[in-house]
Amino acid sequence: MDAAQLGATLRARRRELGLTQSETADLADVSPRVLSDLENGRETVRLDIVNAVVNALGLSLSVQRP
């Protein structure tokens, strides 16, 4: 999954839960700007930040071997 796909998945889940970016950022303890950048695939974000957002949205990360 590339950055754009990850961002789209997170945005869709956030909207499904009826959360704003600000609310989600608060739950994940990140800035709204970082969340926006993540959702829009605009910048590489540290794994701990991705994990915090994923957890805040009730999702989980998994790694698959190629």
C-alpha atoms as a PDB file:
ATOM      1  CA  MET A   1       0.000   0.000   0.000  1.00  0.00           C
ATOM      2  CA  ASP A   2       1.456   3.367  -0.944  1.00  0.00           C
ATOM      3  CA  ALA A   3       1.079   6.648   0.953  1.00  0.00           C
ATOM      4  CA  ALA A   4      -1.925   7.792  -1.100  1.00  0.00           C
ATOM      5  CA  GLN A   5      -3.781   4.517  -0.526  1.00  0.00           C
ATOM      6  CA  LEU A   6      -3.023   4.584   3.191  1.00  0.00           C
ATOM      7  CA  GLY A   7      -4.258   8.156   3.433  1.00  0.00           C
ATOM      8  CA  ALA A   8      -7.459   7.372   1.570  1.00  0.00           C
ATOM      9  CA  THR A   9      -8.113   4.383   3.832  1.00  0.00           C
ATOM     10  CA  LEU A  10      -7.594   6.450   6.975  1.00  0.00           C
ATOM     11  CA  ARG A  11      -9.789   9.292   5.660  1.00  0.00           C
ATOM     12  CA  ALA A  12     -12.588   6.865   4.759  1.00  0.00           C
ATOM     13  CA  ARG A  13     -12.473   5.259   8.216  1.00  0.00           C
ATOM     14  CA  ARG A  14     -12.434   8.649   9.950  1.00  0.00           C
ATOM     15  CA  ARG A  15     -15.494   9.743   7.982  1.00  0.00           C
ATOM     16  CA  GLU A  16     -17.197   6.402   8.624  1.00  0.00           C
ATOM     17  CA  LEU A  17     -16.789   7.087  12.349  1.00  0.00           C
ATOM     18  CA  GLY A  18     -18.127  10.638  11.920  1.00  0.00           C
ATOM     19  CA  LEU A  19     -14.930  12.231  13.226  1.00  0.00           C
ATOM     20  CA  THR A  20     -13.350  15.476  12.103  1.00  0.00           C
ATOM     21  CA  GLN A  21      -9.652  15.722  11.411  1.00  0.00           C
ATOM     22  CA  SER A  22      -9.276  17.772  14.580  1.00  0.00           C
ATOM     23  CA  GLU A  23     -11.057  15.178  16.712  1.00  0.00           C
ATOM     24  CA  THR A  24      -9.009  12.366  15.212  1.00  0.00           C
ATOM     25  CA  ALA A  25      -5.776  14.290  15.679  1.00  0.00           C
ATOM     26  CA  ASP A  26      -6.663  14.802  19.343  1.00  0.00           C
ATOM     27  CA  LEU A  27      -7.382  11.090  19.795  1.00  0.00           C
ATOM     28  CA  ALA A  28      -4.055  10.189  18.171  1.00  0.00           C
ATOM     29  CA  ASP A  29      -2.145  12.976  19.956  1.00  0.00           C
ATOM     30  CA  VAL A  30      -0.870  14.442  16.681  1.00  0.00           C
ATOM     31  CA  SER A  31      -1.379  17.836  15.079  1.00  0.00           C
ATOM     32  CA  PRO A  32      -4.244  18.314  12.610  1.00  0.00           C
ATOM     33  CA  ARG A  33      -1.624  19.334  10.020  1.00  0.00           C
ATOM     34  CA  VAL A  34       0.213  15.999  10.370  1.00  0.00           C
ATOM     35  CA  LEU A  35      -3.077  14.122  10.041  1.00  0.00           C
ATOM     36  CA  SER A  36      -4.013  16.145   6.956  1.00  0.00           C
ATOM     37  CA  ASP A  37      -0.641  15.444   5.370  1.00  0.00           C
ATOM     38  CA  LEU A  38      -1.014  11.739   6.158  1.00  0.00           C
ATOM     39  CA  GLU A  39      -4.532  11.552   4.726  1.00  0.00           C
ATOM     40  CA  ASN A  40      -3.417  13.323   1.561  1.00  0.00           C
ATOM     41  CA  GLY A  41      -0.234  11.301   1.087  1.00  0.00           C
ATOM     42  CA  ARG A  42       1.796  14.513   1.032  1.00  0.00           C
ATOM     43  CA  GLU A  43       4.653  13.542   3.258  1.00  0.00           C
ATOM     44  CA  THR A  44       6.338  10.587   4.811  1.00  0.00           C
ATOM     45  CA  VAL A  45       5.186  10.229   8.378  1.00  0.00           C
ATOM     46  CA  ARG A  46       6.948   8.286  11.106  1.00  0.00           C
ATOM     47  CA  LEU A  47       5.627   4.820  11.812  1.00  0.00           C
ATOM     48  CA  ASP A  48       4.740   5.698  15.421  1.00  0.00           C
ATOM     49  CA  ILE A  49       2.499   8.511  14.156  1.00  0.00           C
ATOM     50  CA  VAL A  50       0.826   6.236  11.602  1.00  0.00           C
ATOM     51  CA  ASN A  51       0.308   3.660  14.340  1.00  0.00           C
ATOM     52  CA  ALA A  52      -1.237   6.262  16.685  1.00  0.00           C
ATOM     53  CA  VAL A  53      -3.718   7.364  14.002  1.00  0.00           C
ATOM     54  CA  VAL A  54      -4.527   3.780  13.036  1.00  0.00           C
ATOM     55  CA  ASN A  55      -5.187   2.902  16.687  1.00  0.00           C
ATOM     56  CA  ALA A  56      -7.321   6.031  17.201  1.00  0.00           C
ATOM     57  CA  LEU A  57      -9.487   4.879  14.292  1.00  0.00           C
ATOM     58  CA  GLY A  58      -9.839   1.341  15.647  1.00  0.00           C
ATOM     59  CA  LEU A  59      -7.719  -0.192  12.910  1.00  0.00           C
ATOM     60  CA  SER A  60      -4.509  -2.218  13.029  1.00  0.00           C
ATOM     61  CA  LEU A  61      -1.325  -2.374  10.998  1.00  0.00           C
ATOM     62  CA  SER A  62      -0.037  -5.558   9.472  1.00  0.00           C
ATOM     63  CA  VAL A  63       3.059  -6.313   7.461  1.00  0.00           C
ATOM     64  CA  GLN A  64       2.936  -8.761   4.578  1.00  0.00           C
ATOM     65  CA  ARG A  65       5.906 -10.369   2.976  1.00  0.00           C
ATOM     66  CA  PRO A  66       6.225  -9.763  -0.754  1.00  0.00           C
END
